[in-house]
Amino acid sequence: MDTSTPTEAAERLLDRLRDFAVTLDDQERALFAALIAPGVAQAYPDVDDDVVGFAARDEVGWSPRALPASLGAAVRRRGVRVVGLGD
């Protein structure tokens, strides 16, 4: 039985994503960034950023405010940003 809190789970997830990302080559890292950028952008709802528009909520059918609060807080606490989306 998992007795961890949502905050602890969010922190573990970010640790695992960071560990995973360092194993990728430059092209894979750019693709991974494009994949997760909309979710990271949701952690910063008050920032008017190009990445927020990347989420295209009408096309994917979810709201930019749908990110679980614990995950959004962990992303902000760690200062996670997605960079390098250019070709």
PDB file of N, CA and C in Angstrom:
ATOM      1  N   MET A   1       0.831  -1.172   0.000  1.00  0.00           N
ATOM      2  CA  MET A   1       0.000   0.000   0.000  1.00  0.00           C
ATOM      3  C   MET A   1       0.888   1.252   0.000  1.00  0.00           C
ATOM      4  N   ASP A   2       0.615   2.157  -0.906  1.00  0.00           N
ATOM      5  CA  ASP A   2       1.383   3.390  -1.013  1.00  0.00           C
ATOM      6  C   ASP A   2       0.879   4.394   0.016  1.00  0.00           C
ATOM      7  N   THR A   3       1.741   4.780   0.940  1.00  0.00           N
ATOM      8  CA  THR A   3       1.340   5.728   1.977  1.00  0.00           C
ATOM      9  C   THR A   3       1.938   7.111   1.760  1.00  0.00           C
ATOM     10  N   SER A   4       2.529   7.334   0.589  1.00  0.00           N
ATOM     11  CA  SER A   4       3.120   8.642   0.324  1.00  0.00           C
ATOM     12  C   SER A   4       2.037   9.668   0.015  1.00  0.00           C
ATOM     13  N   THR A   5       2.399  10.920   0.213  1.00  0.00           N
ATOM     14  CA  THR A   5       1.475  12.018  -0.070  1.00  0.00           C
ATOM     15  C   THR A   5       1.576  12.380  -1.553  1.00  0.00           C
ATOM     16  N   PRO A   6       0.591  13.120  -2.077  1.00  0.00           N
ATOM     17  CA  PRO A   6       0.705  13.586  -3.462  1.00  0.00           C
ATOM     18  C   PRO A   6       1.956  14.433  -3.685  1.00  0.00           C
ATOM     19  N   THR A   7       2.356  15.202  -2.689  1.00  0.00           N
ATOM     20  CA  THR A   7       3.566  16.020  -2.802  1.00  0.00           C
ATOM     21  C   THR A   7       4.804  15.138  -2.939  1.00  0.00           C
ATOM     22  N   GLU A   8       4.893  14.099  -2.129  1.00  0.00           N
ATOM     23  CA  GLU A   8       6.033  13.182  -2.208  1.00  0.00           C
ATOM     24  C   GLU A   8       6.063  12.474  -3.559  1.00  0.00           C
ATOM     25  N   ALA A   9       4.898  12.062  -4.044  1.00  0.00           N
ATOM     26  CA  ALA A   9       4.828  11.400  -5.353  1.00  0.00           C
ATOM     27  C   ALA A   9       5.276  12.350  -6.459  1.00  0.00           C
ATOM     28  N   ALA A  10       4.852  13.614  -6.382  1.00  0.00           N
ATOM     29  CA  ALA A  10       5.248  14.604  -7.392  1.00  0.00           C
ATOM     30  C   ALA A  10       6.760  14.823  -7.372  1.00  0.00           C
ATOM     31  N   GLU A  11       7.336  14.898  -6.190  1.00  0.00           N
ATOM     32  CA  GLU A  11       8.791  15.075  -6.069  1.00  0.00           C
ATOM     33  C   GLU A  11       9.532  13.873  -6.663  1.00  0.00           C
ATOM     34  N   ARG A  12       9.060  12.666  -6.371  1.00  0.00           N
ATOM     35  CA  ARG A  12       9.687  11.461  -6.929  1.00  0.00           C
ATOM     36  C   ARG A  12       9.606  11.457  -8.445  1.00  0.00           C
ATOM     37  N   LEU A  13       8.437  11.846  -8.974  1.00  0.00           N
ATOM     38  CA  LEU A  13       8.263  11.871 -10.422  1.00  0.00           C
ATOM     39  C   LEU A  13       9.256  12.829 -11.068  1.00  0.00           C
ATOM     40  N   LEU A  14       9.402  14.031 -10.500  1.00  0.00           N
ATOM     41  CA  LEU A  14      10.353  14.992 -11.072  1.00  0.00           C
ATOM     42  C   LEU A  14      11.782  14.471 -10.999  1.00  0.00           C
ATOM     43  N   ASP A  15      12.136  13.788  -9.917  1.00  0.00           N
ATOM     44  CA  ASP A  15      13.474  13.178  -9.823  1.00  0.00           C
ATOM     45  C   ASP A  15      13.676  12.151 -10.928  1.00  0.00           C
ATOM     46  N   ARG A  16      12.679  11.324 -11.154  1.00  0.00           N
ATOM     47  CA  ARG A  16      12.795  10.280 -12.184  1.00  0.00           C
ATOM     48  C   ARG A  16      12.854  10.873 -13.583  1.00  0.00           C
ATOM     49  N   LEU A  17      12.059  11.919 -13.829  1.00  0.00           N
ATOM     50  CA  LEU A  17      12.103  12.570 -15.139  1.00  0.00           C
ATOM     51  C   LEU A  17      13.462  13.210 -15.390  1.00  0.00           C
ATOM     52  N   ARG A  18      14.022  13.867 -14.366  1.00  0.00           N
ATOM     53  CA  ARG A  18      15.354  14.461 -14.501  1.00  0.00           C
ATOM     54  C   ARG A  18      16.389  13.377 -14.801  1.00  0.00           C
ATOM     55  N   ASP A  19      16.356  12.286 -14.037  1.00  0.00           N
ATOM     56  CA  ASP A  19      17.299  11.184 -14.255  1.00  0.00           C
ATOM     57  C   ASP A  19      17.148  10.599 -15.654  1.00  0.00           C
ATOM     58  N   PHE A  20      15.914  10.480 -16.127  1.00  0.00           N
ATOM     59  CA  PHE A  20      15.654   9.962 -17.466  1.00  0.00           C
ATOM     60  C   PHE A  20      16.182  10.917 -18.534  1.00  0.00           C
ATOM     61  N   ALA A  21      15.912  12.202 -18.354  1.00  0.00           N
ATOM     62  CA  ALA A  21      16.283  13.192 -19.372  1.00  0.00           C
ATOM     63  C   ALA A  21      17.787  13.240 -19.605  1.00  0.00           C
ATOM     64  N   VAL A  22      18.582  13.012 -18.578  1.00  0.00           N
ATOM     65  CA  VAL A  22      20.038  13.083 -18.763  1.00  0.00           C
ATOM     66  C   VAL A  22      20.563  11.900 -19.578  1.00  0.00           C
ATOM     67  N   THR A  23      19.755  10.857 -19.751  1.00  0.00           N
ATOM     68  CA  THR A  23      20.190   9.707 -20.551  1.00  0.00           C
ATOM     69  C   THR A  23      19.909   9.897 -22.041  1.00  0.00           C
ATOM     70  N   LEU A  24      19.181  10.942 -22.395  1.00  0.00           N
ATOM     71  CA  LEU A  24      18.764  11.162 -23.779  1.00  0.00           C
ATOM     72  C   LEU A  24      19.820  11.929 -24.565  1.00  0.00           C
ATOM     73  N   ASP A  25      19.875  11.676 -25.862  1.00  0.00           N
ATOM     74  CA  ASP A  25      20.747  12.493 -26.708  1.00  0.00           C
ATOM     75  C   ASP A  25      20.026  13.801 -27.018  1.00  0.00           C
ATOM     76  N   ASP A  26      20.696  14.716 -27.694  1.00  0.00           N
ATOM     77  CA  ASP A  26      20.133  16.050 -27.933  1.00  0.00           C
ATOM     78  C   ASP A  26      18.795  16.008 -28.668  1.00  0.00           C
ATOM     79  N   GLN A  27      18.692  15.167 -29.689  1.00  0.00           N
ATOM     80  CA  GLN A  27      17.441  15.087 -30.440  1.00  0.00           C
ATOM     81  C   GLN A  27      16.319  14.513 -29.586  1.00  0.00           C
ATOM     82  N   GLU A  28      16.622  13.468 -28.834  1.00  0.00           N
ATOM     83  CA  GLU A  28      15.606  12.871 -27.959  1.00  0.00           C
ATOM     84  C   GLU A  28      15.177  13.864 -26.879  1.00  0.00           C
ATOM     85  N   ARG A  29      16.140  14.605 -26.342  1.00  0.00           N
ATOM     86  CA  ARG A  29      15.816  15.582 -25.302  1.00  0.00           C
ATOM     87  C   ARG A  29      14.884  16.669 -25.835  1.00  0.00           C
ATOM     88  N   ALA A  30      15.123  17.111 -27.068  1.00  0.00           N
ATOM     89  CA  ALA A  30      14.251  18.123 -27.679  1.00  0.00           C
ATOM     90  C   ALA A  30      12.836  17.578 -27.861  1.00  0.00           C
ATOM     91  N   LEU A  31      12.719  16.325 -28.280  1.00  0.00           N
ATOM     92  CA  LEU A  31      11.399  15.710 -28.450  1.00  0.00           C
ATOM     93  C   LEU A  31      10.706  15.518 -27.105  1.00  0.00           C
ATOM     94  N   PHE A  32      11.463  15.107 -26.114  1.00  0.00           N
ATOM     95  CA  PHE A  32      10.907  14.937 -24.770  1.00  0.00           C
ATOM     96  C   PHE A  32      10.402  16.277 -24.237  1.00  0.00           C
ATOM     97  N   ALA A  33      11.165  17.335 -24.466  1.00  0.00           N
ATOM     98  CA  ALA A  33      10.765  18.671 -24.031  1.00  0.00           C
ATOM     99  C   ALA A  33       9.454  19.083 -24.702  1.00  0.00           C
ATOM    100  N   ALA A  34       9.337  18.804 -25.995  1.00  0.00           N
ATOM    101  CA  ALA A  34       8.100  19.145 -26.703  1.00  0.00           C
ATOM    102  C   ALA A  34       6.917  18.370 -26.139  1.00  0.00           C
ATOM    103  N   LEU A  35       7.166  17.149 -25.712  1.00  0.00           N
ATOM    104  CA  LEU A  35       6.108  16.306 -25.162  1.00  0.00           C
ATOM    105  C   LEU A  35       5.628  16.805 -23.804  1.00  0.00           C
ATOM    106  N   ILE A  36       6.542  17.236 -22.945  1.00  0.00           N
ATOM    107  CA  ILE A  36       6.147  17.603 -21.587  1.00  0.00           C
ATOM    108  C   ILE A  36       5.934  19.104 -21.385  1.00  0.00           C
ATOM    109  N   ALA A  37       6.287  19.918 -22.374  1.00  0.00           N
ATOM    110  CA  ALA A  37       6.168  21.376 -22.228  1.00  0.00           C
ATOM    111  C   ALA A  37       4.769  21.841 -21.817  1.00  0.00           C
ATOM    112  N   PRO A  38       3.697  21.318 -22.403  1.00  0.00           N
ATOM    113  CA  PRO A  38       2.364  21.784 -21.987  1.00  0.00           C
ATOM    114  C   PRO A  38       2.076  21.534 -20.509  1.00  0.00           C
ATOM    115  N   GLY A  39       2.499  20.398 -20.002  1.00  0.00           N
ATOM    116  CA  GLY A  39       2.279  20.105 -18.588  1.00  0.00           C
ATOM    117  C   GLY A  39       3.076  21.019 -17.679  1.00  0.00           C
ATOM    118  N   VAL A  40       4.332  21.279 -18.031  1.00  0.00           N
ATOM    119  CA  VAL A  40       5.157  22.180 -17.232  1.00  0.00           C
ATOM    120  C   VAL A  40       4.570  23.585 -17.268  1.00  0.00           C
ATOM    121  N   ALA A  41       4.092  24.008 -18.427  1.00  0.00           N
ATOM    122  CA  ALA A  41       3.505  25.349 -18.553  1.00  0.00           C
ATOM    123  C   ALA A  41       2.304  25.510 -17.632  1.00  0.00           C
ATOM    124  N   GLN A  42       1.560  24.428 -17.393  1.00  0.00           N
ATOM    125  CA  GLN A  42       0.401  24.499 -16.515  1.00  0.00           C
ATOM    126  C   GLN A  42       0.780  24.822 -15.072  1.00  0.00           C
ATOM    127  N   ALA A  43       2.012  24.559 -14.681  1.00  0.00           N
ATOM    128  CA  ALA A  43       2.457  24.852 -13.324  1.00  0.00           C
ATOM    129  C   ALA A  43       2.633  26.344 -13.096  1.00  0.00           C
ATOM    130  N   TYR A  44       2.666  27.108 -14.176  1.00  0.00           N
ATOM    131  CA  TYR A  44       2.865  28.552 -14.108  1.00  0.00           C
ATOM    132  C   TYR A  44       1.681  29.256 -14.768  1.00  0.00           C
ATOM    133  N   PRO A  45       0.487  29.187 -14.178  1.00  0.00           N
ATOM    134  CA  PRO A  45      -0.708  29.712 -14.845  1.00  0.00           C
ATOM    135  C   PRO A  45      -0.710  31.230 -15.022  1.00  0.00           C
ATOM    136  N   ASP A  46       0.067  31.956 -14.245  1.00  0.00           N
ATOM    137  CA  ASP A  46       0.057  33.412 -14.325  1.00  0.00           C
ATOM    138  C   ASP A  46       1.128  33.966 -15.252  1.00  0.00           C
ATOM    139  N   VAL A  47       1.918  33.102 -15.871  1.00  0.00           N
ATOM    140  CA  VAL A  47       2.984  33.533 -16.759  1.00  0.00           C
ATOM    141  C   VAL A  47       2.474  33.475 -18.194  1.00  0.00           C
ATOM    142  N   ASP A  48       2.547  34.597 -18.886  1.00  0.00           N
ATOM    143  CA  ASP A  48       2.162  34.626 -20.300  1.00  0.00           C
ATOM    144  C   ASP A  48       3.383  34.222 -21.106  1.00  0.00           C
ATOM    145  N   ASP A  49       3.408  32.991 -21.546  1.00  0.00           N
ATOM    146  CA  ASP A  49       4.578  32.405 -22.179  1.00  0.00           C
ATOM    147  C   ASP A  49       4.148  31.715 -23.475  1.00  0.00           C
ATOM    148  N   ASP A  50       5.063  31.625 -24.424  1.00  0.00           N
ATOM    149  CA  ASP A  50       4.772  30.927 -25.675  1.00  0.00           C
ATOM    150  C   ASP A  50       4.397  29.473 -25.433  1.00  0.00           C
ATOM    151  N   VAL A  51       4.964  28.857 -24.405  1.00  0.00           N
ATOM    152  CA  VAL A  51       4.712  27.444 -24.146  1.00  0.00           C
ATOM    153  C   VAL A  51       3.267  27.215 -23.738  1.00  0.00           C
ATOM    154  N   VAL A  52       2.655  28.181 -23.053  1.00  0.00           N
ATOM    155  CA  VAL A  52       1.258  28.020 -22.644  1.00  0.00           C
ATOM    156  C   VAL A  52       0.378  27.810 -23.873  1.00  0.00           C
ATOM    157  N   GLY A  53       0.630  28.574 -24.931  1.00  0.00           N
ATOM    158  CA  GLY A  53      -0.131  28.410 -26.158  1.00  0.00           C
ATOM    159  C   GLY A  53       0.118  27.080 -26.827  1.00  0.00           C
ATOM    160  N   PHE A  54       1.282  26.491 -26.561  1.00  0.00           N
ATOM    161  CA  PHE A  54       1.652  25.208 -27.130  1.00  0.00           C
ATOM    162  C   PHE A  54       0.704  24.110 -26.682  1.00  0.00           C
ATOM    163  N   ALA A  55       0.044  24.299 -25.532  1.00  0.00           N
ATOM    164  CA  ALA A  55      -0.819  23.266 -24.982  1.00  0.00           C
ATOM    165  C   ALA A  55      -2.029  23.001 -25.859  1.00  0.00           C
ATOM    166  N   ALA A  56      -2.494  24.009 -26.579  1.00  0.00           N
ATOM    167  CA  ALA A  56      -3.607  23.851 -27.522  1.00  0.00           C
ATOM    168  C   ALA A  56      -4.765  23.090 -26.897  1.00  0.00           C
ATOM    169  N   ARG A  57      -5.327  23.620 -25.814  1.00  0.00           N
ATOM    170  CA  ARG A  57      -6.341  22.888 -25.055  1.00  0.00           C
ATOM    171  C   ARG A  57      -7.545  22.494 -25.890  1.00  0.00           C
ATOM    172  N   ASP A  58      -7.901  23.284 -26.894  1.00  0.00           N
ATOM    173  CA  ASP A  58      -9.061  22.931 -27.711  1.00  0.00           C
ATOM    174  C   ASP A  58      -8.798  21.677 -28.532  1.00  0.00           C
ATOM    175  N   GLU A  59      -7.541  21.479 -28.926  1.00  0.00           N
ATOM    176  CA  GLU A  59      -7.205  20.313 -29.744  1.00  0.00           C
ATOM    177  C   GLU A  59      -7.079  19.039 -28.931  1.00  0.00           C
ATOM    178  N   VAL A  60      -6.590  19.152 -27.695  1.00  0.00           N
ATOM    179  CA  VAL A  60      -6.361  17.943 -26.910  1.00  0.00           C
ATOM    180  C   VAL A  60      -7.461  17.664 -25.898  1.00  0.00           C
ATOM    181  N   GLY A  61      -8.382  18.618 -25.701  1.00  0.00           N
ATOM    182  CA  GLY A  61      -9.540  18.369 -24.869  1.00  0.00           C
ATOM    183  C   GLY A  61      -9.330  18.433 -23.376  1.00  0.00           C
ATOM    184  N   TRP A  62      -8.309  19.142 -22.913  1.00  0.00           N
ATOM    185  CA  TRP A  62      -8.161  19.325 -21.477  1.00  0.00           C
ATOM    186  C   TRP A  62      -7.809  20.769 -21.184  1.00  0.00           C
ATOM    187  N   SER A  63      -8.108  21.185 -19.971  1.00  0.00           N
ATOM    188  CA  SER A  63      -7.898  22.563 -19.560  1.00  0.00           C
ATOM    189  C   SER A  63      -6.481  22.766 -19.045  1.00  0.00           C
ATOM    190  N   PRO A  64      -5.877  23.920 -19.301  1.00  0.00           N
ATOM    191  CA  PRO A  64      -4.542  24.179 -18.772  1.00  0.00           C
ATOM    192  C   PRO A  64      -4.494  24.182 -17.251  1.00  0.00           C
ATOM    193  N   ARG A  65      -5.626  24.254 -16.607  1.00  0.00           N
ATOM    194  CA  ARG A  65      -5.655  24.246 -15.138  1.00  0.00           C
ATOM    195  C   ARG A  65      -5.854  22.824 -14.598  1.00  0.00           C
ATOM    196  N   ALA A  66      -5.727  21.804 -15.429  1.00  0.00           N
ATOM    197  CA  ALA A  66      -5.990  20.433 -15.011  1.00  0.00           C
ATOM    198  C   ALA A  66      -4.803  19.768 -14.326  1.00  0.00           C
ATOM    199  N   LEU A  67      -3.640  20.422 -14.289  1.00  0.00           N
ATOM    200  CA  LEU A  67      -2.461  19.838 -13.656  1.00  0.00           C
ATOM    201  C   LEU A  67      -2.725  19.666 -12.156  1.00  0.00           C
ATOM    202  N   PRO A  68      -2.468  18.481 -11.608  1.00  0.00           N
ATOM    203  CA  PRO A  68      -2.676  18.298 -10.165  1.00  0.00           C
ATOM    204  C   PRO A  68      -1.881  19.333  -9.366  1.00  0.00           C
ATOM    205  N   ALA A  69      -2.486  19.869  -8.338  1.00  0.00           N
ATOM    206  CA  ALA A  69      -1.871  20.939  -7.543  1.00  0.00           C
ATOM    207  C   ALA A  69      -0.518  20.532  -6.979  1.00  0.00           C
ATOM    208  N   SER A  70      -0.404  19.296  -6.512  1.00  0.00           N
ATOM    209  CA  SER A  70       0.860  18.851  -5.911  1.00  0.00           C
ATOM    210  C   SER A  70       1.981  18.833  -6.946  1.00  0.00           C
ATOM    211  N   LEU A  71       1.663  18.428  -8.171  1.00  0.00           N
ATOM    212  CA  LEU A  71       2.678  18.396  -9.215  1.00  0.00           C
ATOM    213  C   LEU A  71       3.050  19.813  -9.649  1.00  0.00           C
ATOM    214  N   GLY A  72       2.067  20.685  -9.790  1.00  0.00           N
ATOM    215  CA  GLY A  72       2.355  22.071 -10.140  1.00  0.00           C
ATOM    216  C   GLY A  72       3.229  22.739  -9.096  1.00  0.00           C
ATOM    217  N   ALA A  73       2.934  22.496  -7.824  1.00  0.00           N
ATOM    218  CA  ALA A  73       3.731  23.083  -6.742  1.00  0.00           C
ATOM    219  C   ALA A  73       5.164  22.554  -6.767  1.00  0.00           C
ATOM    220  N   ALA A  74       5.337  21.260  -7.020  1.00  0.00           N
ATOM    221  CA  ALA A  74       6.683  20.684  -7.072  1.00  0.00           C
ATOM    222  C   ALA A  74       7.468  21.262  -8.244  1.00  0.00           C
ATOM    223  N   VAL A  75       6.821  21.436  -9.385  1.00  0.00           N
ATOM    224  CA  VAL A  75       7.481  22.023 -10.560  1.00  0.00           C
ATOM    225  C   VAL A  75       7.940  23.439 -10.239  1.00  0.00           C
ATOM    226  N   ARG A  76       7.073  24.241  -9.618  1.00  0.00           N
ATOM    227  CA  ARG A  76       7.432  25.621  -9.268  1.00  0.00           C
ATOM    228  C   ARG A  76       8.536  25.656  -8.218  1.00  0.00           C
ATOM    229  N   ARG A  77       8.444  24.796  -7.199  1.00  0.00           N
ATOM    230  CA  ARG A  77       9.459  24.748  -6.145  1.00  0.00           C
ATOM    231  C   ARG A  77      10.843  24.484  -6.717  1.00  0.00           C
ATOM    232  N   ARG A  78      10.895  23.605  -7.699  1.00  0.00           N
ATOM    233  CA  ARG A  78      12.181  23.236  -8.300  1.00  0.00           C
ATOM    234  C   ARG A  78      12.577  24.143  -9.453  1.00  0.00           C
ATOM    235  N   GLY A  79      11.687  25.043  -9.851  1.00  0.00           N
ATOM    236  CA  GLY A  79      12.003  25.959 -10.931  1.00  0.00           C
ATOM    237  C   GLY A  79      12.132  25.274 -12.285  1.00  0.00           C
ATOM    238  N   VAL A  80      11.391  24.190 -12.486  1.00  0.00           N
ATOM    239  CA  VAL A  80      11.454  23.435 -13.741  1.00  0.00           C
ATOM    240  C   VAL A  80      10.928  24.307 -14.870  1.00  0.00           C
ATOM    241  N   ARG A  81      11.683  24.392 -15.924  1.00  0.00           N
ATOM    242  CA  ARG A  81      11.284  25.097 -17.153  1.00  0.00           C
ATOM    243  C   ARG A  81      11.678  24.212 -18.322  1.00  0.00           C
ATOM    244  N   VAL A  82      10.957  24.314 -19.416  1.00  0.00           N
ATOM    245  CA  VAL A  82      11.292  23.567 -20.619  1.00  0.00           C
ATOM    246  C   VAL A  82      11.927  24.543 -21.600  1.00  0.00           C
ATOM    247  N   VAL A  83      13.142  24.242 -22.023  1.00  0.00           N
ATOM    248  CA  VAL A  83      13.872  25.092 -22.971  1.00  0.00           C
ATOM    249  C   VAL A  83      14.329  24.230 -24.130  1.00  0.00           C
ATOM    250  N   GLY A  84      14.698  24.876 -25.213  1.00  0.00           N
ATOM    251  CA  GLY A  84      15.247  24.141 -26.350  1.00  0.00           C
ATOM    252  C   GLY A  84      14.214  23.536 -27.247  1.00  0.00           C
ATOM    253  N   LEU A  85      13.052  24.185 -27.394  1.00  0.00           N
ATOM    254  CA  LEU A  85      12.013  23.652 -28.256  1.00  0.00           C
ATOM    255  C   LEU A  85      12.216  24.006 -29.717  1.00  0.00           C
ATOM    256  N   GLY A  86      13.160  24.889 -29.995  1.00  0.00           N
ATOM    257  CA  GLY A  86      13.393  25.287 -31.382  1.00  0.00           C
ATOM    258  C   GLY A  86      14.011  24.171 -32.197  1.00  0.00           C
ATOM    259  N   ASP A  87      13.828  24.239 -33.509  1.00  0.00           N
ATOM    260  CA  ASP A  87      14.387  23.179 -34.375  1.00  0.00           C
ATOM    261  C   ASP A  87      15.876  23.285 -34.448  1.00  0.00           C
TER     262      ASP A  87
END
